[in-house]
Amino acid sequence: MTDYYDVNYDLMCSFYPLSRKVYDKLYAIAELKEFKAGTKLVDLGEVSRKLFLVNKGVIRSYLIMENGKELTKTLFTPIEFFASFTSMLTNEASEFVYETLTDCHIYEINYKAFVDLCTTNIEVLKFYSRYLEFLFMEGESTFIAISSMNAKERYLKLKERIPNIENLIPQYQIASYLNITPVQLSRIRSKMY
C-alpha cells in the first residue's frame, strides 16, 4: 500500500502549519485501511465514532428518502477528510450512509483519541478549528452552487473537480449527486459531446 505520509502532512498544513512532531502524534492515531467498492463505512442508524481521510478512491454520503430513493449529498475524493460529524458530535445515529464507490485506501481516526489530542495540544486544536471553518465555507459554497447553477453547470463543476468521474462511478450515482435523473444526465452529456 502506498505511503501517504507526506501528502497528508501537506494537506493538514494547508489548514494550519503543524510541526512534524505534532503531525506524528496525529499519524499515530490513524490506521490506513483498504476497502472494496460498496463498503459502508458508516451505516444509517449507526453512531459514528471515526474521522476518515481518503487517499485513494471515491466515497459518497447519501440519504435514503421515505420512498426508498437514494439522494447523494457529497462525493469525497483524495485527499479529503470526511465524517458523519453530526452523529459524532451529538452521539446520535447517523442520518446518512457513507459508502465506498470504488476500491479505496482510507485512514480511520478514532474521534475520541482525536478530541483527546485537541485538549492537550494547541496545534491540533487550531488545525481542527481551521478545518471546521473550511467545512462551513464549503457548505455555503455548495448551497450557492446548488441554488444558482443549472444541471449542466453543476455537471461541469463536478467534471472540473473530478475529470474522470464517468470512469469511476455509475451514471445513476453521478445523476443522484447532481440531483437530476440519469436521463437528464444523458441528455446533458449528449449535447456536450
N, C-alpha and C. Protein backbone atom coordinates (compact mmCIF):
# COMPACT_ATOMS: atom_id res chain seq x y z
N MET A 1 0.84 -1.18 0.00
CA MET A 1 0.00 0.00 0.00
C MET A 1 0.89 1.24 0.00
N THR A 2 0.47 2.26 -0.70
CA THR A 2 1.23 3.49 -0.83
C THR A 2 1.38 4.20 0.51
N ASP A 3 2.52 4.86 0.70
CA ASP A 3 2.72 5.67 1.90
C ASP A 3 2.25 7.09 1.60
N TYR A 4 1.28 7.55 2.33
CA TYR A 4 0.68 8.86 2.11
C TYR A 4 1.16 9.90 3.12
N TYR A 5 2.20 9.57 3.88
CA TYR A 5 2.65 10.39 4.99
C TYR A 5 2.85 11.86 4.59
N ASP A 6 3.66 12.11 3.57
CA ASP A 6 3.98 13.50 3.19
C ASP A 6 2.80 14.21 2.54
N VAL A 7 2.03 13.51 1.72
CA VAL A 7 0.87 14.11 1.07
C VAL A 7 -0.14 14.59 2.11
N ASN A 8 -0.39 13.75 3.11
CA ASN A 8 -1.34 14.11 4.16
C ASN A 8 -0.81 15.24 5.03
N TYR A 9 0.50 15.25 5.26
CA TYR A 9 1.11 16.34 6.03
C TYR A 9 0.88 17.67 5.32
N ASP A 10 1.11 17.68 4.01
CA ASP A 10 0.90 18.92 3.22
C ASP A 10 -0.56 19.36 3.29
N LEU A 11 -1.48 18.40 3.20
CA LEU A 11 -2.91 18.74 3.30
C LEU A 11 -3.21 19.39 4.64
N MET A 12 -2.77 18.78 5.71
CA MET A 12 -3.09 19.30 7.03
C MET A 12 -2.44 20.67 7.26
N CYS A 13 -1.25 20.85 6.75
CA CYS A 13 -0.57 22.15 6.89
C CYS A 13 -1.22 23.24 6.04
N SER A 14 -2.02 22.84 5.05
CA SER A 14 -2.75 23.85 4.28
C SER A 14 -3.84 24.51 5.13
N PHE A 15 -4.25 23.86 6.21
CA PHE A 15 -5.21 24.42 7.15
C PHE A 15 -4.52 25.13 8.31
N TYR A 16 -3.47 24.50 8.81
CA TYR A 16 -2.71 25.08 9.91
C TYR A 16 -1.31 24.46 9.90
N PRO A 17 -0.25 25.28 10.05
CA PRO A 17 1.12 24.75 9.98
C PRO A 17 1.51 23.91 11.19
N LEU A 18 1.30 22.61 11.07
CA LEU A 18 1.63 21.68 12.14
C LEU A 18 3.12 21.35 12.12
N SER A 19 3.70 21.21 13.30
CA SER A 19 5.07 20.71 13.37
C SER A 19 5.05 19.22 13.04
N ARG A 20 6.17 18.69 12.61
CA ARG A 20 6.25 17.25 12.31
C ARG A 20 5.99 16.42 13.58
N LYS A 21 6.45 16.93 14.71
CA LYS A 21 6.26 16.21 15.97
C LYS A 21 4.77 16.04 16.28
N VAL A 22 4.00 17.11 16.10
CA VAL A 22 2.56 17.05 16.35
C VAL A 22 1.87 16.20 15.28
N TYR A 23 2.29 16.36 14.04
CA TYR A 23 1.73 15.55 12.97
C TYR A 23 1.95 14.07 13.25
N ASP A 24 3.11 13.72 13.75
CA ASP A 24 3.40 12.31 14.07
C ASP A 24 2.44 11.78 15.14
N LYS A 25 2.04 12.65 16.07
CA LYS A 25 1.05 12.23 17.08
C LYS A 25 -0.29 11.93 16.42
N LEU A 26 -0.69 12.75 15.46
CA LEU A 26 -1.93 12.51 14.72
C LEU A 26 -1.81 11.23 13.89
N TYR A 27 -0.68 11.10 13.25
CA TYR A 27 -0.44 9.94 12.40
C TYR A 27 -0.51 8.63 13.21
N ALA A 28 -0.07 8.72 14.47
CA ALA A 28 -0.05 7.54 15.33
C ALA A 28 -1.45 7.06 15.70
N ILE A 29 -2.45 7.93 15.66
CA ILE A 29 -3.82 7.50 15.99
C ILE A 29 -4.64 7.17 14.75
N ALA A 30 -3.99 7.22 13.59
CA ALA A 30 -4.67 6.90 12.32
C ALA A 30 -4.25 5.52 11.84
N GLU A 31 -5.21 4.81 11.25
CA GLU A 31 -4.91 3.47 10.71
C GLU A 31 -5.33 3.43 9.25
N LEU A 32 -4.36 3.15 8.38
CA LEU A 32 -4.62 3.06 6.95
C LEU A 32 -5.24 1.71 6.63
N LYS A 33 -6.40 1.74 5.96
CA LYS A 33 -7.11 0.51 5.61
C LYS A 33 -7.49 0.53 4.14
N GLU A 34 -7.63 -0.66 3.59
CA GLU A 34 -8.14 -0.83 2.23
C GLU A 34 -9.59 -1.28 2.31
N PHE A 35 -10.43 -0.69 1.47
CA PHE A 35 -11.84 -1.06 1.43
C PHE A 35 -12.24 -1.35 -0.01
N LYS A 36 -13.03 -2.37 -0.20
CA LYS A 36 -13.58 -2.68 -1.52
C LYS A 36 -14.75 -1.76 -1.83
N ALA A 37 -15.03 -1.56 -3.10
CA ALA A 37 -16.20 -0.78 -3.51
C ALA A 37 -17.45 -1.38 -2.90
N GLY A 38 -18.35 -0.52 -2.45
CA GLY A 38 -19.61 -0.97 -1.87
C GLY A 38 -19.56 -1.18 -0.37
N THR A 39 -18.45 -0.82 0.28
CA THR A 39 -18.34 -0.95 1.73
C THR A 39 -18.98 0.24 2.42
N LYS A 40 -19.84 -0.04 3.39
CA LYS A 40 -20.46 1.03 4.16
C LYS A 40 -19.56 1.35 5.35
N LEU A 41 -18.99 2.54 5.34
CA LEU A 41 -18.10 2.97 6.41
C LEU A 41 -18.89 3.45 7.61
N VAL A 42 -20.02 4.09 7.35
CA VAL A 42 -20.99 4.48 8.37
C VAL A 42 -22.35 4.13 7.79
N ASP A 43 -23.13 3.36 8.52
CA ASP A 43 -24.44 2.95 8.02
C ASP A 43 -25.54 3.79 8.65
N LEU A 44 -26.65 3.81 8.00
CA LEU A 44 -27.83 4.52 8.50
C LEU A 44 -28.18 3.99 9.89
N GLY A 45 -28.38 4.89 10.83
CA GLY A 45 -28.75 4.48 12.17
C GLY A 45 -27.58 4.15 13.08
N GLU A 46 -26.38 4.16 12.55
CA GLU A 46 -25.18 3.84 13.34
C GLU A 46 -24.62 5.13 13.94
N VAL A 47 -24.14 5.06 15.17
CA VAL A 47 -23.47 6.21 15.77
C VAL A 47 -22.02 6.20 15.29
N SER A 48 -21.63 7.26 14.62
CA SER A 48 -20.28 7.33 14.07
C SER A 48 -19.27 7.68 15.15
N ARG A 49 -18.12 7.03 15.07
CA ARG A 49 -17.06 7.27 16.06
C ARG A 49 -15.70 7.52 15.39
N LYS A 50 -15.71 7.72 14.06
CA LYS A 50 -14.44 7.84 13.34
C LYS A 50 -14.44 9.02 12.38
N LEU A 51 -13.26 9.61 12.26
CA LEU A 51 -12.95 10.55 11.18
C LEU A 51 -12.26 9.73 10.10
N PHE A 52 -12.40 10.16 8.86
CA PHE A 52 -11.77 9.44 7.76
C PHE A 52 -10.98 10.42 6.89
N LEU A 53 -9.92 9.92 6.28
CA LEU A 53 -9.14 10.68 5.31
C LEU A 53 -8.94 9.77 4.11
N VAL A 54 -9.55 10.14 2.99
CA VAL A 54 -9.45 9.31 1.79
C VAL A 54 -8.15 9.65 1.06
N ASN A 55 -7.40 8.62 0.72
CA ASN A 55 -6.17 8.79 -0.04
C ASN A 55 -6.27 8.23 -1.44
N LYS A 56 -7.19 7.29 -1.64
CA LYS A 56 -7.40 6.72 -2.96
C LYS A 56 -8.85 6.29 -3.04
N GLY A 57 -9.52 6.65 -4.14
CA GLY A 57 -10.88 6.20 -4.36
C GLY A 57 -11.92 7.31 -4.23
N VAL A 58 -13.17 6.90 -4.34
CA VAL A 58 -14.31 7.82 -4.26
C VAL A 58 -15.31 7.25 -3.26
N ILE A 59 -15.79 8.12 -2.38
CA ILE A 59 -16.77 7.76 -1.36
C ILE A 59 -17.94 8.71 -1.52
N ARG A 60 -19.12 8.25 -1.18
CA ARG A 60 -20.27 9.15 -1.19
C ARG A 60 -20.98 9.09 0.15
N SER A 61 -21.64 10.19 0.48
CA SER A 61 -22.58 10.18 1.60
C SER A 61 -23.95 10.36 0.97
N TYR A 62 -24.93 9.60 1.48
CA TYR A 62 -26.26 9.72 0.90
C TYR A 62 -27.33 9.50 1.94
N LEU A 63 -28.48 10.03 1.60
CA LEU A 63 -29.68 9.96 2.44
C LEU A 63 -30.66 9.05 1.73
N ILE A 64 -31.40 8.25 2.48
CA ILE A 64 -32.44 7.41 1.88
C ILE A 64 -33.79 8.06 2.17
N MET A 65 -34.48 8.46 1.11
CA MET A 65 -35.76 9.14 1.25
C MET A 65 -36.84 8.14 1.67
N GLU A 66 -38.00 8.64 2.08
CA GLU A 66 -39.10 7.77 2.51
C GLU A 66 -39.53 6.81 1.42
N ASN A 67 -39.44 7.24 0.16
CA ASN A 67 -39.84 6.39 -0.96
C ASN A 67 -38.75 5.40 -1.36
N GLY A 68 -37.61 5.38 -0.60
CA GLY A 68 -36.52 4.46 -0.88
C GLY A 68 -35.46 5.01 -1.82
N LYS A 69 -35.72 6.17 -2.41
CA LYS A 69 -34.76 6.78 -3.32
C LYS A 69 -33.54 7.26 -2.54
N GLU A 70 -32.35 7.03 -3.12
CA GLU A 70 -31.10 7.49 -2.52
C GLU A 70 -30.75 8.85 -3.09
N LEU A 71 -30.44 9.79 -2.21
CA LEU A 71 -30.07 11.15 -2.61
C LEU A 71 -28.63 11.39 -2.15
N THR A 72 -27.71 11.47 -3.11
CA THR A 72 -26.30 11.66 -2.79
C THR A 72 -26.06 13.10 -2.35
N LYS A 73 -25.47 13.24 -1.17
CA LYS A 73 -25.17 14.56 -0.61
C LYS A 73 -23.79 15.03 -1.05
N THR A 74 -22.79 14.16 -0.88
CA THR A 74 -21.41 14.57 -1.14
C THR A 74 -20.62 13.42 -1.75
N LEU A 75 -19.68 13.78 -2.62
CA LEU A 75 -18.69 12.84 -3.13
C LEU A 75 -17.34 13.25 -2.56
N PHE A 76 -16.63 12.29 -1.98
CA PHE A 76 -15.32 12.56 -1.39
C PHE A 76 -14.25 11.88 -2.24
N THR A 77 -13.19 12.61 -2.51
CA THR A 77 -12.09 12.12 -3.34
C THR A 77 -10.77 12.41 -2.62
N PRO A 78 -9.67 11.84 -3.11
CA PRO A 78 -8.38 12.16 -2.49
C PRO A 78 -8.07 13.66 -2.65
N ILE A 79 -7.54 14.26 -1.78
CA ILE A 79 -7.19 13.99 -0.40
C ILE A 79 -8.18 14.80 0.42
N GLU A 80 -9.19 14.16 1.00
CA GLU A 80 -10.23 14.86 1.75
C GLU A 80 -10.56 14.11 3.03
N PHE A 81 -10.84 14.91 4.07
CA PHE A 81 -11.39 14.37 5.30
C PHE A 81 -12.89 14.25 5.15
N PHE A 82 -13.48 13.29 5.82
CA PHE A 82 -14.94 13.23 5.89
C PHE A 82 -15.32 12.47 7.15
N ALA A 83 -16.55 12.69 7.57
CA ALA A 83 -17.09 12.04 8.76
C ALA A 83 -18.57 12.36 8.84
N SER A 84 -19.27 11.57 9.62
CA SER A 84 -20.65 11.91 9.96
C SER A 84 -20.56 12.80 11.21
N PHE A 85 -20.20 14.06 10.98
CA PHE A 85 -19.91 14.97 12.09
C PHE A 85 -21.09 15.13 13.04
N THR A 86 -22.29 15.28 12.51
CA THR A 86 -23.45 15.45 13.38
C THR A 86 -23.61 14.25 14.30
N SER A 87 -23.44 13.06 13.75
CA SER A 87 -23.55 11.85 14.56
C SER A 87 -22.48 11.82 15.65
N MET A 88 -21.24 12.15 15.30
CA MET A 88 -20.16 12.12 16.29
C MET A 88 -20.37 13.17 17.38
N LEU A 89 -20.76 14.37 16.96
CA LEU A 89 -20.88 15.46 17.93
C LEU A 89 -22.08 15.31 18.86
N THR A 90 -23.15 14.70 18.35
CA THR A 90 -24.36 14.54 19.17
C THR A 90 -24.46 13.15 19.80
N ASN A 91 -23.59 12.24 19.38
CA ASN A 91 -23.64 10.85 19.83
C ASN A 91 -24.98 10.20 19.49
N GLU A 92 -25.53 10.60 18.35
CA GLU A 92 -26.79 10.05 17.86
C GLU A 92 -26.58 9.34 16.54
N ALA A 93 -27.55 8.56 16.15
CA ALA A 93 -27.46 7.77 14.92
C ALA A 93 -27.30 8.67 13.69
N SER A 94 -26.48 8.22 12.77
CA SER A 94 -26.26 8.94 11.52
C SER A 94 -27.50 8.86 10.64
N GLU A 95 -27.83 9.98 10.03
CA GLU A 95 -28.94 10.00 9.07
C GLU A 95 -28.43 9.78 7.65
N PHE A 96 -27.12 9.67 7.53
CA PHE A 96 -26.51 9.46 6.22
C PHE A 96 -25.72 8.16 6.22
N VAL A 97 -25.61 7.57 5.04
CA VAL A 97 -24.76 6.42 4.81
C VAL A 97 -23.50 6.93 4.11
N TYR A 98 -22.35 6.42 4.53
CA TYR A 98 -21.07 6.74 3.89
C TYR A 98 -20.57 5.44 3.28
N GLU A 99 -20.45 5.43 1.95
CA GLU A 99 -20.17 4.19 1.23
C GLU A 99 -19.07 4.40 0.21
N THR A 100 -18.17 3.43 0.09
CA THR A 100 -17.13 3.49 -0.93
C THR A 100 -17.75 3.16 -2.29
N LEU A 101 -17.44 3.97 -3.29
CA LEU A 101 -17.94 3.72 -4.64
C LEU A 101 -16.90 2.99 -5.49
N THR A 102 -15.65 3.10 -5.08
CA THR A 102 -14.55 2.41 -5.75
C THR A 102 -13.72 1.73 -4.65
N ASP A 103 -12.75 0.93 -5.04
CA ASP A 103 -11.80 0.43 -4.06
C ASP A 103 -11.06 1.63 -3.49
N CYS A 104 -10.83 1.65 -2.19
CA CYS A 104 -10.29 2.83 -1.52
C CYS A 104 -9.17 2.50 -0.54
N HIS A 105 -8.29 3.48 -0.35
CA HIS A 105 -7.33 3.49 0.75
C HIS A 105 -7.75 4.66 1.63
N ILE A 106 -8.08 4.38 2.88
CA ILE A 106 -8.64 5.39 3.78
C ILE A 106 -8.00 5.27 5.15
N TYR A 107 -7.61 6.41 5.70
CA TYR A 107 -7.18 6.44 7.09
C TYR A 107 -8.40 6.57 7.98
N GLU A 108 -8.49 5.73 9.00
CA GLU A 108 -9.52 5.85 10.03
C GLU A 108 -8.86 6.45 11.28
N ILE A 109 -9.54 7.43 11.86
CA ILE A 109 -9.04 8.09 13.06
C ILE A 109 -10.13 8.03 14.11
N ASN A 110 -9.82 7.45 15.24
CA ASN A 110 -10.78 7.39 16.34
C ASN A 110 -11.07 8.81 16.82
N TYR A 111 -12.33 9.20 16.79
CA TYR A 111 -12.70 10.58 17.13
C TYR A 111 -12.35 10.92 18.57
N LYS A 112 -12.57 10.01 19.49
CA LYS A 112 -12.25 10.28 20.91
C LYS A 112 -10.75 10.53 21.08
N ALA A 113 -9.93 9.74 20.42
CA ALA A 113 -8.47 9.94 20.51
C ALA A 113 -8.09 11.29 19.90
N PHE A 114 -8.77 11.67 18.82
CA PHE A 114 -8.51 12.97 18.20
C PHE A 114 -8.89 14.11 19.14
N VAL A 115 -10.07 14.01 19.77
CA VAL A 115 -10.51 15.03 20.72
C VAL A 115 -9.56 15.12 21.91
N ASP A 116 -9.08 13.97 22.37
CA ASP A 116 -8.10 13.96 23.46
C ASP A 116 -6.85 14.74 23.07
N LEU A 117 -6.40 14.57 21.81
CA LEU A 117 -5.24 15.34 21.34
C LEU A 117 -5.56 16.83 21.28
N CYS A 118 -6.78 17.16 20.88
CA CYS A 118 -7.20 18.57 20.83
C CYS A 118 -7.13 19.22 22.21
N THR A 119 -7.47 18.46 23.24
CA THR A 119 -7.49 19.04 24.59
C THR A 119 -6.10 19.19 25.18
N THR A 120 -5.13 18.47 24.63
CA THR A 120 -3.78 18.54 25.19
C THR A 120 -2.79 19.24 24.28
N ASN A 121 -3.18 19.55 23.03
CA ASN A 121 -2.24 20.13 22.09
C ASN A 121 -2.88 21.27 21.31
N ILE A 122 -2.36 22.47 21.47
CA ILE A 122 -2.93 23.66 20.84
C ILE A 122 -2.83 23.60 19.31
N GLU A 123 -1.76 23.00 18.78
CA GLU A 123 -1.63 22.90 17.32
C GLU A 123 -2.76 22.06 16.73
N VAL A 124 -3.06 20.95 17.36
CA VAL A 124 -4.12 20.08 16.86
C VAL A 124 -5.46 20.81 16.96
N LEU A 125 -5.68 21.51 18.08
CA LEU A 125 -6.91 22.27 18.25
C LEU A 125 -7.05 23.36 17.19
N LYS A 126 -5.98 24.07 16.90
CA LYS A 126 -6.03 25.12 15.86
C LYS A 126 -6.29 24.51 14.48
N PHE A 127 -5.64 23.38 14.20
CA PHE A 127 -5.91 22.70 12.93
C PHE A 127 -7.40 22.36 12.82
N TYR A 128 -7.95 21.77 13.89
CA TYR A 128 -9.35 21.36 13.89
C TYR A 128 -10.27 22.57 13.71
N SER A 129 -9.96 23.65 14.38
CA SER A 129 -10.76 24.87 14.26
C SER A 129 -10.75 25.38 12.82
N ARG A 130 -9.57 25.41 12.22
CA ARG A 130 -9.46 25.89 10.82
C ARG A 130 -10.19 24.94 9.87
N TYR A 131 -10.11 23.66 10.15
CA TYR A 131 -10.79 22.71 9.27
C TYR A 131 -12.31 22.87 9.38
N LEU A 132 -12.83 23.07 10.58
CA LEU A 132 -14.27 23.28 10.74
C LEU A 132 -14.72 24.57 10.06
N GLU A 133 -13.89 25.61 10.10
CA GLU A 133 -14.19 26.85 9.36
C GLU A 133 -14.27 26.56 7.87
N PHE A 134 -13.33 25.75 7.37
CA PHE A 134 -13.32 25.36 5.96
C PHE A 134 -14.61 24.62 5.60
N LEU A 135 -15.04 23.70 6.46
CA LEU A 135 -16.28 22.96 6.20
C LEU A 135 -17.48 23.90 6.12
N PHE A 136 -17.52 24.87 7.01
CA PHE A 136 -18.62 25.84 7.00
C PHE A 136 -18.63 26.60 5.67
N MET A 137 -17.47 27.07 5.23
CA MET A 137 -17.40 27.81 3.96
C MET A 137 -17.75 26.92 2.77
N GLU A 138 -17.30 25.67 2.81
CA GLU A 138 -17.63 24.74 1.74
C GLU A 138 -19.13 24.49 1.67
N GLY A 139 -19.76 24.39 2.84
CA GLY A 139 -21.21 24.19 2.89
C GLY A 139 -21.95 25.36 2.25
N GLU A 140 -21.51 26.57 2.54
CA GLU A 140 -22.13 27.75 1.92
C GLU A 140 -21.91 27.75 0.41
N SER A 141 -20.70 27.43 0.00
CA SER A 141 -20.37 27.40 -1.43
C SER A 141 -21.22 26.37 -2.16
N THR A 142 -21.40 25.20 -1.55
CA THR A 142 -22.22 24.15 -2.15
C THR A 142 -23.68 24.60 -2.25
N PHE A 143 -24.18 25.22 -1.21
CA PHE A 143 -25.56 25.71 -1.22
C PHE A 143 -25.76 26.73 -2.35
N ILE A 144 -24.81 27.64 -2.50
CA ILE A 144 -24.91 28.64 -3.57
C ILE A 144 -24.88 27.97 -4.93
N ALA A 145 -24.00 27.00 -5.10
CA ALA A 145 -23.90 26.29 -6.39
C ALA A 145 -25.20 25.57 -6.72
N ILE A 146 -25.76 24.87 -5.74
CA ILE A 146 -27.00 24.13 -5.98
C ILE A 146 -28.14 25.09 -6.27
N SER A 147 -28.16 26.21 -5.57
CA SER A 147 -29.25 27.17 -5.72
C SER A 147 -29.17 27.98 -7.00
N SER A 148 -27.96 28.25 -7.48
CA SER A 148 -27.83 29.19 -8.58
C SER A 148 -27.41 28.57 -9.91
N MET A 149 -26.95 27.33 -9.91
CA MET A 149 -26.49 26.71 -11.15
C MET A 149 -27.54 25.76 -11.71
N ASN A 150 -27.59 25.70 -13.03
CA ASN A 150 -28.46 24.71 -13.64
C ASN A 150 -27.72 23.37 -13.67
N ALA A 151 -28.40 22.33 -14.12
CA ALA A 151 -27.84 20.98 -14.08
C ALA A 151 -26.55 20.86 -14.89
N LYS A 152 -26.49 21.49 -16.05
CA LYS A 152 -25.29 21.43 -16.88
C LYS A 152 -24.12 22.10 -16.16
N GLU A 153 -24.35 23.24 -15.55
CA GLU A 153 -23.29 23.95 -14.83
C GLU A 153 -22.79 23.13 -13.65
N ARG A 154 -23.72 22.46 -12.94
CA ARG A 154 -23.32 21.61 -11.82
C ARG A 154 -22.47 20.43 -12.31
N TYR A 155 -22.87 19.88 -13.46
CA TYR A 155 -22.12 18.77 -14.04
C TYR A 155 -20.71 19.22 -14.42
N LEU A 156 -20.59 20.38 -15.05
CA LEU A 156 -19.28 20.89 -15.45
C LEU A 156 -18.40 21.17 -14.23
N LYS A 157 -19.02 21.67 -13.17
CA LYS A 157 -18.26 21.92 -11.93
C LYS A 157 -17.76 20.60 -11.35
N LEU A 158 -18.60 19.57 -11.39
CA LEU A 158 -18.18 18.25 -10.91
C LEU A 158 -17.05 17.71 -11.77
N LYS A 159 -17.15 17.87 -13.10
CA LYS A 159 -16.11 17.40 -14.02
C LYS A 159 -14.80 18.15 -13.79
N GLU A 160 -14.90 19.40 -13.41
CA GLU A 160 -13.70 20.19 -13.11
C GLU A 160 -13.00 19.61 -11.87
N ARG A 161 -13.81 19.23 -10.89
CA ARG A 161 -13.28 18.69 -9.64
C ARG A 161 -12.77 17.26 -9.81
N ILE A 162 -13.54 16.43 -10.56
CA ILE A 162 -13.18 15.02 -10.76
C ILE A 162 -13.28 14.74 -12.27
N PRO A 163 -12.22 15.08 -13.03
CA PRO A 163 -12.28 14.98 -14.50
C PRO A 163 -12.70 13.62 -15.05
N ASN A 164 -12.31 12.53 -14.41
CA ASN A 164 -12.61 11.20 -14.93
C ASN A 164 -13.77 10.53 -14.20
N ILE A 165 -14.70 11.31 -13.69
CA ILE A 165 -15.80 10.79 -12.87
C ILE A 165 -16.58 9.68 -13.57
N GLU A 166 -16.78 9.81 -14.89
CA GLU A 166 -17.55 8.79 -15.62
C GLU A 166 -16.87 7.43 -15.62
N ASN A 167 -15.55 7.43 -15.45
CA ASN A 167 -14.80 6.18 -15.43
C ASN A 167 -14.71 5.58 -14.03
N LEU A 168 -15.18 6.31 -13.04
CA LEU A 168 -15.05 5.87 -11.65
C LEU A 168 -16.33 5.31 -11.06
N ILE A 169 -17.45 5.99 -11.34
CA ILE A 169 -18.71 5.58 -10.71
C ILE A 169 -19.83 5.54 -11.76
N PRO A 170 -20.89 4.78 -11.48
CA PRO A 170 -22.01 4.66 -12.43
C PRO A 170 -22.73 5.99 -12.66
N GLN A 171 -23.32 6.12 -13.83
CA GLN A 171 -24.02 7.35 -14.22
C GLN A 171 -25.16 7.70 -13.25
N TYR A 172 -25.87 6.69 -12.76
CA TYR A 172 -27.00 6.99 -11.88
C TYR A 172 -26.53 7.64 -10.58
N GLN A 173 -25.30 7.32 -10.14
CA GLN A 173 -24.79 7.95 -8.93
C GLN A 173 -24.34 9.38 -9.19
N ILE A 174 -23.80 9.62 -10.37
CA ILE A 174 -23.46 10.99 -10.76
C ILE A 174 -24.74 11.82 -10.82
N ALA A 175 -25.78 11.26 -11.44
CA ALA A 175 -27.07 11.96 -11.55
C ALA A 175 -27.65 12.24 -10.16
N SER A 176 -27.54 11.28 -9.26
CA SER A 176 -28.05 11.47 -7.90
C SER A 176 -27.33 12.63 -7.22
N TYR A 177 -26.02 12.70 -7.38
CA TYR A 177 -25.25 13.80 -6.79
C TYR A 177 -25.68 15.15 -7.36
N LEU A 178 -25.97 15.17 -8.67
CA LEU A 178 -26.38 16.42 -9.33
C LEU A 178 -27.86 16.74 -9.10
N ASN A 179 -28.56 15.81 -8.44
CA ASN A 179 -30.00 15.94 -8.17
C ASN A 179 -30.82 16.05 -9.46
N ILE A 180 -30.45 15.17 -10.41
CA ILE A 180 -31.18 15.06 -11.67
C ILE A 180 -31.38 13.57 -11.95
N THR A 181 -32.17 13.25 -12.96
CA THR A 181 -32.36 11.86 -13.33
C THR A 181 -31.23 11.40 -14.26
N PRO A 182 -30.98 10.09 -14.34
CA PRO A 182 -29.98 9.60 -15.28
C PRO A 182 -30.29 10.00 -16.73
N VAL A 183 -31.58 10.09 -17.06
CA VAL A 183 -31.97 10.50 -18.42
C VAL A 183 -31.54 11.95 -18.67
N GLN A 184 -31.76 12.82 -17.67
CA GLN A 184 -31.33 14.22 -17.80
C GLN A 184 -29.81 14.30 -17.97
N LEU A 185 -29.08 13.50 -17.21
CA LEU A 185 -27.63 13.50 -17.33
C LEU A 185 -27.21 13.03 -18.71
N SER A 186 -27.86 12.01 -19.22
CA SER A 186 -27.55 11.50 -20.56
C SER A 186 -27.77 12.58 -21.61
N ARG A 187 -28.86 13.34 -21.47
CA ARG A 187 -29.13 14.44 -22.42
C ARG A 187 -28.06 15.53 -22.34
N ILE A 188 -27.67 15.89 -21.12
CA ILE A 188 -26.62 16.90 -20.95
C ILE A 188 -25.34 16.43 -21.61
N ARG A 189 -24.97 15.19 -21.37
CA ARG A 189 -23.72 14.67 -21.94
C ARG A 189 -23.78 14.57 -23.45
N SER A 190 -24.93 14.16 -24.00
CA SER A 190 -25.03 14.04 -25.46
C SER A 190 -24.95 15.39 -26.15
N LYS A 191 -25.50 16.42 -25.51
CA LYS A 191 -25.40 17.79 -26.08
C LYS A 191 -23.98 18.31 -26.02
N MET A 192 -23.25 17.92 -24.99
CA MET A 192 -21.88 18.40 -24.82
C MET A 192 -20.90 17.68 -25.73
N TYR A 193 -21.15 16.38 -25.94
CA TYR A 193 -20.18 15.58 -26.67
C TYR A 193 -20.73 15.16 -28.01
